[in-house]
Amino acid sequence: MTMGRLRVVTAWPTGVGGLALPLRLSLCLFLVAGCGAVADPPQRHTFLIQLDAAPTLAGAQLKPAESVYVAPVLIAAPFSGRNLVVRQSELGFAMDPYAEFAASPVSMWTDAVRSWLDARHLFERVLPVGSSADAGLTLETNLLEAVVDRRAGQLPTSRVVIRFMLVRNRAPYQVLLDRTFTGAEAVQGASAEQEVAALSLAAEHVLRGFQDALGQMSN
């Protein structure tokens, strides 16, 4: 009998009389049952952080600041890998082996922040990635946490923590804003897709907090 690359060879003893056939049948049934018990491994799914960048009335009323360069997002461990990070106990974080981001986290989060700021018109201009044009401001972004909290005894929640530092590039050189924002969103369901959707909404909460802080600066 051959199972994949494993070949099973059975030698039957002679002189066992009427017991030979029942033993053969029992062994065959056992081997068939064992082969059928092997289940297919779970499929791996890929996702992206997707933000709703539609401008709001509050954003339209802000006076756009000067042009800004968005530096690549710095991501703290263990959130810098592609796998979705989850928390299932008080002992720390774990990686979901079957859920991962479709792009590098640095490029994914940098593009998400850039696109959101550009669509909201919070700055005179958001420079393209790799642009050599002079920018009056630089936005440094540090992703401190992006996690799905699955701990027992509470509702599953996706949480994002980001520190923004807005720096003026011309004299007088100064840090205009240095604040950390936290956003959380309850997960509507039990799938990884719904967890990532909640993670995207949590990131939107963070960016709206940043937008409000910019509005306070301009007043």
N, C-alpha and C. Protein backbone atom coordinates (compact mmCIF):
# COMPACT_ATOMS: atom_id res chain seq x y z
N MET A 1 0.85 -1.20 0.00
CA MET A 1 0.00 0.00 0.00
C MET A 1 0.88 1.25 0.00
N THR A 2 0.52 2.27 -0.78
CA THR A 2 1.32 3.49 -0.88
C THR A 2 0.50 4.67 -0.40
N MET A 3 1.01 5.47 0.57
CA MET A 3 0.36 6.69 1.06
C MET A 3 1.31 7.83 0.79
N GLY A 4 1.04 8.64 -0.31
CA GLY A 4 1.96 9.70 -0.69
C GLY A 4 3.29 9.08 -1.06
N ARG A 5 4.36 9.49 -0.33
CA ARG A 5 5.67 8.91 -0.56
C ARG A 5 5.97 7.77 0.40
N LEU A 6 5.04 7.47 1.29
CA LEU A 6 5.25 6.40 2.27
C LEU A 6 4.65 5.12 1.74
N ARG A 7 5.48 4.12 1.59
CA ARG A 7 5.02 2.82 1.07
C ARG A 7 4.99 1.82 2.21
N VAL A 8 3.82 1.22 2.44
CA VAL A 8 3.63 0.24 3.50
C VAL A 8 3.62 -1.14 2.88
N VAL A 9 4.53 -1.99 3.31
CA VAL A 9 4.62 -3.35 2.80
C VAL A 9 4.29 -4.28 3.94
N THR A 10 3.30 -5.15 3.73
CA THR A 10 2.85 -6.07 4.77
C THR A 10 3.13 -7.50 4.33
N ALA A 11 3.84 -8.25 5.14
CA ALA A 11 4.10 -9.67 4.86
C ALA A 11 3.17 -10.49 5.74
N TRP A 12 2.39 -11.36 5.12
CA TRP A 12 1.43 -12.16 5.87
C TRP A 12 2.05 -13.51 6.24
N PRO A 13 2.00 -13.88 7.50
CA PRO A 13 2.53 -15.18 7.90
C PRO A 13 1.66 -16.31 7.37
N THR A 14 2.28 -17.43 7.19
CA THR A 14 1.54 -18.60 6.70
C THR A 14 1.10 -19.43 7.88
N GLY A 15 0.08 -20.23 7.63
CA GLY A 15 -0.37 -21.17 8.64
C GLY A 15 -1.25 -20.57 9.71
N VAL A 16 -1.87 -19.41 9.44
CA VAL A 16 -2.75 -18.83 10.46
C VAL A 16 -4.20 -19.19 10.18
N GLY A 17 -4.44 -19.94 9.16
CA GLY A 17 -5.78 -20.45 8.91
C GLY A 17 -6.77 -19.35 8.62
N GLY A 18 -7.96 -19.43 9.25
CA GLY A 18 -9.06 -18.50 8.96
C GLY A 18 -8.86 -17.14 9.56
N LEU A 19 -7.78 -16.91 10.37
CA LEU A 19 -7.57 -15.59 10.96
C LEU A 19 -6.93 -14.64 9.98
N ALA A 20 -6.35 -15.11 8.89
CA ALA A 20 -5.59 -14.23 8.00
C ALA A 20 -6.47 -13.17 7.37
N LEU A 21 -7.63 -13.55 6.83
CA LEU A 21 -8.49 -12.59 6.15
C LEU A 21 -9.03 -11.52 7.09
N PRO A 22 -9.57 -11.86 8.28
CA PRO A 22 -10.03 -10.80 9.19
C PRO A 22 -8.91 -9.86 9.60
N LEU A 23 -7.70 -10.37 9.79
CA LEU A 23 -6.60 -9.50 10.18
C LEU A 23 -6.25 -8.54 9.06
N ARG A 24 -6.28 -9.06 7.81
CA ARG A 24 -6.00 -8.19 6.67
C ARG A 24 -7.02 -7.06 6.57
N LEU A 25 -8.30 -7.42 6.70
CA LEU A 25 -9.35 -6.41 6.59
C LEU A 25 -9.24 -5.37 7.69
N SER A 26 -8.95 -5.81 8.92
CA SER A 26 -8.84 -4.88 10.04
C SER A 26 -7.70 -3.90 9.83
N LEU A 27 -6.56 -4.42 9.36
CA LEU A 27 -5.41 -3.55 9.15
C LEU A 27 -5.68 -2.55 8.04
N CYS A 28 -6.32 -2.99 6.96
CA CYS A 28 -6.63 -2.08 5.85
C CYS A 28 -7.58 -0.98 6.30
N LEU A 29 -8.61 -1.36 7.05
CA LEU A 29 -9.56 -0.36 7.54
C LEU A 29 -8.87 0.65 8.45
N PHE A 30 -7.95 0.19 9.29
CA PHE A 30 -7.21 1.08 10.19
C PHE A 30 -6.37 2.08 9.40
N LEU A 31 -5.68 1.58 8.35
CA LEU A 31 -4.84 2.46 7.55
C LEU A 31 -5.67 3.48 6.79
N VAL A 32 -6.80 3.07 6.23
CA VAL A 32 -7.67 3.98 5.49
C VAL A 32 -8.22 5.05 6.41
N ALA A 33 -8.65 4.65 7.61
CA ALA A 33 -9.19 5.62 8.57
C ALA A 33 -8.12 6.61 8.98
N GLY A 34 -6.89 6.13 9.15
CA GLY A 34 -5.81 7.03 9.53
C GLY A 34 -5.50 8.04 8.44
N CYS A 35 -5.53 7.61 7.19
CA CYS A 35 -5.27 8.52 6.08
C CYS A 35 -6.36 9.57 5.99
N GLY A 36 -7.63 9.19 6.21
CA GLY A 36 -8.74 10.13 6.09
C GLY A 36 -8.79 11.14 7.20
N ALA A 37 -8.07 10.91 8.32
CA ALA A 37 -8.14 11.81 9.46
C ALA A 37 -7.25 13.03 9.29
N VAL A 38 -6.38 13.06 8.27
CA VAL A 38 -5.49 14.19 8.06
C VAL A 38 -6.29 15.33 7.43
N ALA A 39 -6.42 16.46 8.18
CA ALA A 39 -7.20 17.60 7.69
C ALA A 39 -6.30 18.58 6.96
N ASP A 40 -6.88 19.32 6.03
CA ASP A 40 -6.13 20.37 5.34
C ASP A 40 -5.79 21.49 6.31
N PRO A 41 -4.59 22.05 6.23
CA PRO A 41 -4.22 23.15 7.13
C PRO A 41 -5.05 24.39 6.83
N PRO A 42 -5.29 25.26 7.83
CA PRO A 42 -6.05 26.50 7.58
C PRO A 42 -5.35 27.36 6.54
N GLN A 43 -6.13 28.07 5.75
CA GLN A 43 -5.57 28.93 4.72
C GLN A 43 -5.07 30.23 5.34
N ARG A 44 -4.02 30.77 4.76
CA ARG A 44 -3.47 32.04 5.21
C ARG A 44 -4.16 33.17 4.44
N HIS A 45 -4.58 34.21 5.17
CA HIS A 45 -5.29 35.34 4.56
C HIS A 45 -4.44 36.61 4.70
N THR A 46 -4.53 37.48 3.70
CA THR A 46 -3.77 38.73 3.70
C THR A 46 -4.72 39.92 3.70
N PHE A 47 -4.27 41.01 4.34
CA PHE A 47 -5.11 42.19 4.50
C PHE A 47 -4.26 43.45 4.35
N LEU A 48 -4.95 44.59 4.24
CA LEU A 48 -4.31 45.89 4.24
C LEU A 48 -5.08 46.82 5.16
N ILE A 49 -4.38 47.76 5.79
CA ILE A 49 -5.04 48.82 6.53
C ILE A 49 -5.65 49.78 5.52
N GLN A 50 -6.95 50.00 5.61
CA GLN A 50 -7.66 50.87 4.67
C GLN A 50 -8.41 51.93 5.45
N LEU A 51 -8.07 53.21 5.17
CA LEU A 51 -8.64 54.33 5.90
C LEU A 51 -9.62 55.10 5.03
N ASP A 52 -10.69 55.57 5.64
CA ASP A 52 -11.67 56.42 4.95
C ASP A 52 -11.15 57.85 5.01
N ALA A 53 -10.65 58.33 3.89
CA ALA A 53 -10.03 59.65 3.87
C ALA A 53 -10.97 60.74 3.37
N ALA A 54 -12.27 60.48 3.31
CA ALA A 54 -13.22 61.49 2.83
C ALA A 54 -13.16 62.71 3.73
N PRO A 55 -12.98 63.91 3.17
CA PRO A 55 -12.87 65.11 4.00
C PRO A 55 -14.17 65.41 4.73
N THR A 56 -14.03 65.96 5.93
CA THR A 56 -15.19 66.35 6.72
C THR A 56 -15.31 67.87 6.73
N LEU A 57 -16.46 68.36 7.20
CA LEU A 57 -16.68 69.81 7.27
C LEU A 57 -15.66 70.45 8.20
N ALA A 58 -15.39 69.76 9.32
CA ALA A 58 -14.43 70.32 10.27
C ALA A 58 -13.05 70.46 9.63
N GLY A 59 -12.66 69.47 8.81
CA GLY A 59 -11.36 69.55 8.15
C GLY A 59 -11.32 70.65 7.12
N ALA A 60 -12.44 70.87 6.41
CA ALA A 60 -12.48 71.90 5.39
C ALA A 60 -12.36 73.30 6.00
N GLN A 61 -12.74 73.46 7.26
CA GLN A 61 -12.70 74.76 7.89
C GLN A 61 -11.32 75.11 8.44
N LEU A 62 -10.41 74.13 8.49
CA LEU A 62 -9.07 74.39 8.98
C LEU A 62 -8.26 75.13 7.91
N LYS A 63 -7.45 76.08 8.35
CA LYS A 63 -6.56 76.75 7.42
C LYS A 63 -5.38 75.83 7.13
N PRO A 64 -5.18 75.45 5.86
CA PRO A 64 -4.10 74.50 5.57
C PRO A 64 -2.74 75.05 5.99
N ALA A 65 -1.96 74.22 6.65
CA ALA A 65 -0.60 74.60 7.00
C ALA A 65 0.28 74.49 5.76
N GLU A 66 1.57 74.81 5.91
CA GLU A 66 2.47 74.74 4.75
C GLU A 66 2.72 73.30 4.33
N SER A 67 3.52 73.11 3.29
CA SER A 67 3.76 71.77 2.76
C SER A 67 4.45 70.91 3.80
N VAL A 68 4.20 69.60 3.72
CA VAL A 68 4.73 68.68 4.72
C VAL A 68 5.33 67.46 4.04
N TYR A 69 6.43 67.00 4.59
CA TYR A 69 7.03 65.73 4.18
C TYR A 69 6.70 64.71 5.27
N VAL A 70 6.09 63.59 4.88
CA VAL A 70 5.75 62.52 5.82
C VAL A 70 6.88 61.50 5.79
N ALA A 71 7.65 61.47 6.87
CA ALA A 71 8.76 60.53 6.96
C ALA A 71 8.22 59.10 7.08
N PRO A 72 8.99 58.10 6.65
CA PRO A 72 8.54 56.71 6.81
C PRO A 72 8.20 56.42 8.27
N VAL A 73 7.10 55.72 8.45
CA VAL A 73 6.62 55.42 9.80
C VAL A 73 7.59 54.48 10.50
N LEU A 74 7.94 54.83 11.72
CA LEU A 74 8.73 53.94 12.56
C LEU A 74 7.79 53.04 13.34
N ILE A 75 8.04 51.74 13.32
CA ILE A 75 7.12 50.79 13.94
C ILE A 75 7.85 50.02 15.03
N ALA A 76 7.27 50.03 16.21
CA ALA A 76 7.87 49.34 17.35
C ALA A 76 7.62 47.84 17.24
N ALA A 77 8.55 47.07 17.79
CA ALA A 77 8.34 45.62 17.90
C ALA A 77 7.30 45.35 18.98
N PRO A 78 6.47 44.32 18.81
CA PRO A 78 6.50 43.28 17.78
C PRO A 78 5.59 43.57 16.60
N PHE A 79 5.23 44.83 16.38
CA PHE A 79 4.24 45.18 15.37
C PHE A 79 4.86 45.46 14.00
N SER A 80 6.18 45.29 13.90
CA SER A 80 6.87 45.62 12.66
C SER A 80 6.85 44.47 11.65
N GLY A 81 6.37 43.29 12.05
CA GLY A 81 6.29 42.17 11.13
C GLY A 81 4.98 42.17 10.36
N ARG A 82 4.88 41.24 9.42
CA ARG A 82 3.67 41.20 8.58
C ARG A 82 2.49 40.51 9.25
N ASN A 83 2.75 39.65 10.21
CA ASN A 83 1.66 38.92 10.84
C ASN A 83 0.84 39.82 11.76
N LEU A 84 -0.46 39.55 11.80
CA LEU A 84 -1.34 40.28 12.70
C LEU A 84 -0.97 39.96 14.14
N VAL A 85 -0.82 40.99 14.96
CA VAL A 85 -0.44 40.80 16.36
C VAL A 85 -1.70 40.76 17.22
N VAL A 86 -1.78 39.76 18.08
CA VAL A 86 -2.95 39.59 18.94
C VAL A 86 -2.49 39.47 20.39
N ARG A 87 -3.42 39.76 21.28
CA ARG A 87 -3.15 39.58 22.71
C ARG A 87 -4.25 38.69 23.27
N GLN A 88 -3.88 37.51 23.75
CA GLN A 88 -4.84 36.54 24.25
C GLN A 88 -4.74 36.31 25.75
N SER A 89 -3.71 36.87 26.38
CA SER A 89 -3.53 36.70 27.82
C SER A 89 -2.74 37.88 28.36
N GLU A 90 -2.47 37.85 29.65
CA GLU A 90 -1.70 38.91 30.28
C GLU A 90 -0.20 38.73 30.08
N LEU A 91 0.20 37.65 29.41
CA LEU A 91 1.62 37.32 29.29
C LEU A 91 2.31 38.05 28.16
N GLY A 92 1.58 38.73 27.30
CA GLY A 92 2.22 39.44 26.21
C GLY A 92 1.48 39.26 24.90
N PHE A 93 2.21 39.41 23.81
CA PHE A 93 1.62 39.39 22.48
C PHE A 93 1.99 38.10 21.75
N ALA A 94 1.17 37.79 20.73
CA ALA A 94 1.40 36.62 19.89
C ALA A 94 1.11 36.98 18.44
N MET A 95 1.63 36.20 17.52
CA MET A 95 1.39 36.40 16.09
C MET A 95 0.33 35.43 15.60
N ASP A 96 -0.61 35.93 14.81
CA ASP A 96 -1.58 35.06 14.17
C ASP A 96 -0.91 34.47 12.92
N PRO A 97 -0.63 33.17 12.88
CA PRO A 97 0.11 32.61 11.74
C PRO A 97 -0.71 32.55 10.46
N TYR A 98 -2.01 32.75 10.54
CA TYR A 98 -2.86 32.63 9.36
C TYR A 98 -3.42 33.97 8.89
N ALA A 99 -2.98 35.08 9.50
CA ALA A 99 -3.42 36.42 9.08
C ALA A 99 -2.20 37.32 9.00
N GLU A 100 -1.97 37.90 7.83
CA GLU A 100 -0.81 38.77 7.66
C GLU A 100 -1.15 39.90 6.70
N PHE A 101 -0.36 40.96 6.75
CA PHE A 101 -0.56 42.10 5.88
C PHE A 101 0.07 41.82 4.51
N ALA A 102 -0.59 42.34 3.49
CA ALA A 102 -0.17 42.05 2.12
C ALA A 102 1.05 42.87 1.70
N ALA A 103 1.40 43.89 2.48
CA ALA A 103 2.53 44.75 2.15
C ALA A 103 3.41 44.91 3.39
N SER A 104 4.60 45.44 3.17
CA SER A 104 5.48 45.76 4.29
C SER A 104 4.77 46.73 5.23
N PRO A 105 4.75 46.47 6.54
CA PRO A 105 4.07 47.38 7.46
C PRO A 105 4.54 48.83 7.37
N VAL A 106 5.84 49.04 7.13
CA VAL A 106 6.34 50.41 7.03
C VAL A 106 5.71 51.13 5.84
N SER A 107 5.75 50.51 4.67
CA SER A 107 5.16 51.14 3.48
C SER A 107 3.64 51.24 3.61
N MET A 108 2.99 50.22 4.18
CA MET A 108 1.53 50.23 4.33
C MET A 108 1.08 51.37 5.22
N TRP A 109 1.69 51.51 6.39
CA TRP A 109 1.28 52.58 7.32
C TRP A 109 1.69 53.96 6.80
N THR A 110 2.85 54.07 6.17
CA THR A 110 3.27 55.37 5.62
C THR A 110 2.31 55.82 4.52
N ASP A 111 1.96 54.92 3.61
CA ASP A 111 1.02 55.27 2.54
C ASP A 111 -0.35 55.62 3.11
N ALA A 112 -0.79 54.89 4.15
CA ALA A 112 -2.09 55.17 4.74
C ALA A 112 -2.13 56.56 5.36
N VAL A 113 -1.09 56.93 6.10
CA VAL A 113 -1.04 58.26 6.73
C VAL A 113 -0.95 59.35 5.67
N ARG A 114 -0.08 59.16 4.68
CA ARG A 114 0.07 60.16 3.60
C ARG A 114 -1.24 60.39 2.87
N SER A 115 -1.89 59.31 2.45
CA SER A 115 -3.12 59.43 1.67
C SER A 115 -4.21 60.09 2.48
N TRP A 116 -4.30 59.76 3.77
CA TRP A 116 -5.33 60.34 4.63
C TRP A 116 -5.12 61.84 4.79
N LEU A 117 -3.89 62.26 5.05
CA LEU A 117 -3.60 63.68 5.22
C LEU A 117 -3.81 64.45 3.92
N ASP A 118 -3.43 63.84 2.80
CA ASP A 118 -3.58 64.50 1.51
C ASP A 118 -5.06 64.71 1.17
N ALA A 119 -5.88 63.69 1.42
CA ALA A 119 -7.30 63.81 1.11
C ALA A 119 -8.01 64.79 2.02
N ARG A 120 -7.53 64.95 3.25
CA ARG A 120 -8.16 65.87 4.20
C ARG A 120 -7.74 67.32 4.00
N HIS A 121 -6.72 67.57 3.19
CA HIS A 121 -6.25 68.93 2.90
C HIS A 121 -5.88 69.68 4.19
N LEU A 122 -5.20 68.96 5.10
CA LEU A 122 -4.77 69.59 6.34
C LEU A 122 -3.49 70.39 6.14
N PHE A 123 -2.80 70.13 5.04
CA PHE A 123 -1.58 70.85 4.72
C PHE A 123 -1.69 71.43 3.32
N GLU A 124 -0.88 72.45 3.07
CA GLU A 124 -0.88 73.06 1.75
C GLU A 124 -0.58 72.03 0.68
N ARG A 125 0.34 71.13 1.02
CA ARG A 125 0.70 70.05 0.10
C ARG A 125 1.36 68.94 0.89
N VAL A 126 0.99 67.69 0.57
CA VAL A 126 1.66 66.53 1.14
C VAL A 126 2.58 65.99 0.05
N LEU A 127 3.87 66.07 0.30
CA LEU A 127 4.83 65.71 -0.74
C LEU A 127 4.78 64.22 -1.05
N PRO A 128 4.95 63.86 -2.32
CA PRO A 128 4.98 62.44 -2.68
C PRO A 128 6.17 61.74 -2.02
N VAL A 129 6.05 60.43 -1.92
CA VAL A 129 7.15 59.63 -1.36
C VAL A 129 8.38 59.79 -2.24
N GLY A 130 9.52 60.09 -1.62
CA GLY A 130 10.76 60.24 -2.37
C GLY A 130 10.93 61.58 -3.03
N SER A 131 10.03 62.52 -2.78
CA SER A 131 10.14 63.84 -3.41
C SER A 131 11.33 64.60 -2.84
N SER A 132 12.04 65.31 -3.72
CA SER A 132 13.19 66.10 -3.29
C SER A 132 12.83 67.55 -3.07
N ALA A 133 11.56 67.90 -3.25
CA ALA A 133 11.12 69.28 -3.06
C ALA A 133 11.25 69.67 -1.59
N ASP A 134 11.51 70.94 -1.38
CA ASP A 134 11.63 71.43 -0.01
C ASP A 134 10.25 71.46 0.65
N ALA A 135 10.22 71.03 1.89
CA ALA A 135 8.97 71.05 2.66
C ALA A 135 9.21 71.91 3.90
N GLY A 136 8.24 72.74 4.21
CA GLY A 136 8.36 73.58 5.39
C GLY A 136 8.25 72.78 6.68
N LEU A 137 7.57 71.62 6.60
CA LEU A 137 7.33 70.80 7.80
C LEU A 137 7.70 69.35 7.52
N THR A 138 8.06 68.65 8.57
CA THR A 138 8.26 67.20 8.52
C THR A 138 7.40 66.56 9.60
N LEU A 139 6.66 65.53 9.20
CA LEU A 139 5.84 64.79 10.16
C LEU A 139 6.51 63.44 10.42
N GLU A 140 6.93 63.25 11.66
CA GLU A 140 7.51 61.98 12.08
C GLU A 140 6.45 61.18 12.82
N THR A 141 6.27 59.94 12.42
CA THR A 141 5.21 59.09 12.95
C THR A 141 5.81 57.83 13.54
N ASN A 142 5.42 57.53 14.76
CA ASN A 142 5.92 56.34 15.44
C ASN A 142 4.73 55.49 15.86
N LEU A 143 4.57 54.33 15.20
CA LEU A 143 3.50 53.40 15.54
C LEU A 143 3.94 52.58 16.75
N LEU A 144 3.31 52.84 17.90
CA LEU A 144 3.70 52.18 19.14
C LEU A 144 2.92 50.90 19.38
N GLU A 145 1.72 50.81 18.82
CA GLU A 145 0.90 49.61 19.06
C GLU A 145 -0.15 49.50 17.96
N ALA A 146 -0.34 48.28 17.47
CA ALA A 146 -1.42 47.95 16.54
C ALA A 146 -1.77 46.50 16.81
N VAL A 147 -2.76 46.27 17.66
CA VAL A 147 -3.00 44.94 18.22
C VAL A 147 -4.49 44.64 18.28
N VAL A 148 -4.80 43.36 18.17
CA VAL A 148 -6.15 42.87 18.38
C VAL A 148 -6.19 42.21 19.75
N ASP A 149 -6.99 42.76 20.64
CA ASP A 149 -7.07 42.26 22.02
C ASP A 149 -8.15 41.19 22.10
N ARG A 150 -7.73 39.93 22.24
CA ARG A 150 -8.67 38.81 22.30
C ARG A 150 -8.75 38.21 23.71
N ARG A 151 -8.32 38.93 24.71
CA ARG A 151 -8.32 38.37 26.05
C ARG A 151 -9.73 38.01 26.51
N ALA A 152 -9.84 36.91 27.22
CA ALA A 152 -11.14 36.42 27.68
C ALA A 152 -11.73 37.38 28.70
N GLY A 153 -13.07 37.40 28.73
CA GLY A 153 -13.77 38.23 29.71
C GLY A 153 -14.04 39.64 29.25
N GLN A 154 -13.73 39.96 28.00
CA GLN A 154 -14.00 41.30 27.47
C GLN A 154 -14.29 41.20 25.98
N LEU A 155 -14.89 42.25 25.45
CA LEU A 155 -15.19 42.26 24.03
C LEU A 155 -13.90 42.38 23.22
N PRO A 156 -13.77 41.60 22.15
CA PRO A 156 -12.58 41.74 21.30
C PRO A 156 -12.47 43.18 20.77
N THR A 157 -11.29 43.74 20.86
CA THR A 157 -11.08 45.15 20.50
C THR A 157 -9.77 45.30 19.75
N SER A 158 -9.79 46.10 18.70
CA SER A 158 -8.57 46.46 17.99
C SER A 158 -8.11 47.83 18.49
N ARG A 159 -6.81 47.96 18.73
CA ARG A 159 -6.29 49.20 19.31
C ARG A 159 -5.04 49.65 18.55
N VAL A 160 -4.95 50.98 18.35
CA VAL A 160 -3.82 51.59 17.66
C VAL A 160 -3.32 52.76 18.52
N VAL A 161 -2.00 52.82 18.72
CA VAL A 161 -1.37 53.92 19.45
C VAL A 161 -0.27 54.50 18.57
N ILE A 162 -0.34 55.80 18.28
CA ILE A 162 0.62 56.46 17.39
C ILE A 162 1.09 57.76 18.03
N ARG A 163 2.39 57.99 17.94
CA ARG A 163 2.97 59.27 18.34
C ARG A 163 3.30 60.08 17.10
N PHE A 164 2.81 61.32 17.05
CA PHE A 164 3.10 62.23 15.94
C PHE A 164 4.01 63.35 16.45
N MET A 165 5.03 63.67 15.67
CA MET A 165 5.88 64.83 15.96
C MET A 165 6.00 65.66 14.69
N LEU A 166 5.50 66.88 14.76
CA LEU A 166 5.51 67.80 13.62
C LEU A 166 6.62 68.82 13.85
N VAL A 167 7.56 68.88 12.91
CA VAL A 167 8.76 69.70 13.07
C VAL A 167 8.83 70.74 11.96
N ARG A 168 9.16 71.98 12.34
CA ARG A 168 9.39 73.03 11.34
C ARG A 168 10.82 72.91 10.82
N ASN A 169 10.97 72.89 9.48
CA ASN A 169 12.28 72.67 8.87
C ASN A 169 13.07 73.96 8.65
N ARG A 170 12.43 75.09 8.85
CA ARG A 170 13.11 76.37 8.63
C ARG A 170 13.19 77.14 9.95
N ALA A 171 14.09 78.11 9.97
CA ALA A 171 14.24 78.92 11.18
C ALA A 171 12.94 79.70 11.45
N PRO A 172 12.51 79.79 12.68
CA PRO A 172 13.12 79.14 13.85
C PRO A 172 12.74 77.66 13.90
N TYR A 173 13.75 76.78 13.86
CA TYR A 173 13.49 75.35 13.88
C TYR A 173 12.87 74.98 15.23
N GLN A 174 11.76 74.27 15.16
CA GLN A 174 11.12 73.92 16.42
C GLN A 174 10.14 72.76 16.22
N VAL A 175 9.87 72.08 17.33
CA VAL A 175 8.85 71.04 17.34
C VAL A 175 7.51 71.71 17.60
N LEU A 176 6.62 71.65 16.62
CA LEU A 176 5.32 72.31 16.74
C LEU A 176 4.30 71.47 17.48
N LEU A 177 4.45 70.16 17.37
CA LEU A 177 3.48 69.26 18.01
C LEU A 177 4.19 67.94 18.31
N ASP A 178 3.99 67.45 19.51
CA ASP A 178 4.55 66.14 19.90
C ASP A 178 3.54 65.50 20.85
N ARG A 179 2.68 64.65 20.29
CA ARG A 179 1.62 64.04 21.09
C ARG A 179 1.38 62.60 20.67
N THR A 180 0.89 61.82 21.61
CA THR A 180 0.56 60.41 21.37
C THR A 180 -0.95 60.26 21.44
N PHE A 181 -1.51 59.56 20.46
CA PHE A 181 -2.95 59.38 20.35
C PHE A 181 -3.28 57.89 20.37
N THR A 182 -4.39 57.55 21.01
CA THR A 182 -4.85 56.15 21.09
C THR A 182 -6.24 56.05 20.50
N GLY A 183 -6.44 55.04 19.68
CA GLY A 183 -7.76 54.76 19.11
C GLY A 183 -8.12 53.30 19.33
N ALA A 184 -9.38 53.03 19.65
CA ALA A 184 -9.85 51.66 19.87
C ALA A 184 -11.20 51.48 19.20
N GLU A 185 -11.43 50.26 18.71
CA GLU A 185 -12.69 49.94 18.02
C GLU A 185 -13.05 48.49 18.32
N ALA A 186 -14.31 48.27 18.74
CA ALA A 186 -14.78 46.92 19.01
C ALA A 186 -14.84 46.12 17.71
N VAL A 187 -14.47 44.85 17.78
CA VAL A 187 -14.48 43.97 16.61
C VAL A 187 -15.90 43.43 16.43
N GLN A 188 -16.46 43.64 15.25
CA GLN A 188 -17.81 43.18 14.94
C GLN A 188 -17.74 41.82 14.24
N GLY A 189 -17.51 40.78 15.02
CA GLY A 189 -17.40 39.44 14.45
C GLY A 189 -16.21 38.71 15.03
N ALA A 190 -15.88 37.58 14.42
CA ALA A 190 -14.81 36.74 14.95
C ALA A 190 -13.74 36.42 13.92
N SER A 191 -13.81 37.00 12.74
CA SER A 191 -12.83 36.67 11.71
C SER A 191 -11.67 37.67 11.73
N ALA A 192 -10.54 37.25 11.15
CA ALA A 192 -9.39 38.14 11.06
C ALA A 192 -9.71 39.35 10.18
N GLU A 193 -10.52 39.16 9.16
CA GLU A 193 -10.91 40.27 8.29
C GLU A 193 -11.63 41.35 9.10
N GLN A 194 -12.52 40.95 10.00
CA GLN A 194 -13.24 41.92 10.83
C GLN A 194 -12.33 42.56 11.86
N GLU A 195 -11.33 41.82 12.32
CA GLU A 195 -10.36 42.39 13.27
C GLU A 195 -9.52 43.47 12.60
N VAL A 196 -9.10 43.23 11.36
CA VAL A 196 -8.31 44.23 10.63
C VAL A 196 -9.18 45.44 10.27
N ALA A 197 -10.45 45.21 9.94
CA ALA A 197 -11.35 46.32 9.67
C ALA A 197 -11.48 47.22 10.90
N ALA A 198 -11.58 46.61 12.08
CA ALA A 198 -11.63 47.39 13.32
C ALA A 198 -10.30 48.09 13.58
N LEU A 199 -9.20 47.47 13.19
CA LEU A 199 -7.89 48.10 13.34
C LEU A 199 -7.80 49.36 12.46
N SER A 200 -8.37 49.29 11.26
CA SER A 200 -8.39 50.45 10.37
C SER A 200 -9.22 51.59 10.99
N LEU A 201 -10.37 51.25 11.57
CA LEU A 201 -11.20 52.27 12.21
C LEU A 201 -10.49 52.89 13.41
N ALA A 202 -9.77 52.07 14.17
CA ALA A 202 -9.01 52.60 15.30
C ALA A 202 -7.94 53.59 14.83
N ALA A 203 -7.31 53.28 13.70
CA ALA A 203 -6.31 54.19 13.13
C ALA A 203 -6.96 55.50 12.69
N GLU A 204 -8.18 55.43 12.16
CA GLU A 204 -8.90 56.65 11.78
C GLU A 204 -9.17 57.52 13.01
N HIS A 205 -9.53 56.91 14.13
CA HIS A 205 -9.75 57.67 15.37
C HIS A 205 -8.48 58.42 15.75
N VAL A 206 -7.34 57.75 15.61
CA VAL A 206 -6.06 58.38 15.94
C VAL A 206 -5.80 59.58 15.04
N LEU A 207 -6.01 59.42 13.74
CA LEU A 207 -5.73 60.51 12.81
C LEU A 207 -6.69 61.67 12.99
N ARG A 208 -7.93 61.38 13.36
CA ARG A 208 -8.86 62.48 13.64
C ARG A 208 -8.43 63.25 14.90
N GLY A 209 -7.86 62.53 15.87
CA GLY A 209 -7.30 63.22 17.03
C GLY A 209 -6.15 64.13 16.64
N PHE A 210 -5.32 63.66 15.73
CA PHE A 210 -4.22 64.49 15.22
C PHE A 210 -4.76 65.71 14.49
N GLN A 211 -5.82 65.52 13.71
CA GLN A 211 -6.44 66.64 12.99
C GLN A 211 -6.97 67.69 13.98
N ASP A 212 -7.61 67.23 15.06
CA ASP A 212 -8.12 68.16 16.06
C ASP A 212 -6.97 68.94 16.71
N ALA A 213 -5.85 68.25 16.94
CA ALA A 213 -4.70 68.93 17.53
C ALA A 213 -4.14 69.99 16.60
N LEU A 214 -4.14 69.72 15.29
CA LEU A 214 -3.70 70.74 14.32
C LEU A 214 -4.63 71.93 14.35
N GLY A 215 -5.92 71.68 14.49
CA GLY A 215 -6.89 72.77 14.55
C GLY A 215 -6.66 73.66 15.76
N GLN A 216 -6.29 73.07 16.87
CA GLN A 216 -6.01 73.85 18.08
C GLN A 216 -4.76 74.71 17.90
N MET A 217 -3.81 74.21 17.12
CA MET A 217 -2.59 74.99 16.86
C MET A 217 -2.87 76.23 16.05
N SER A 218 -3.81 76.13 15.09
CA SER A 218 -4.07 77.24 14.18
C SER A 218 -4.95 78.31 14.81
N ASN A 219 -5.55 78.03 15.96
CA ASN A 219 -6.43 79.02 16.62
C ASN A 219 -5.61 80.00 17.46
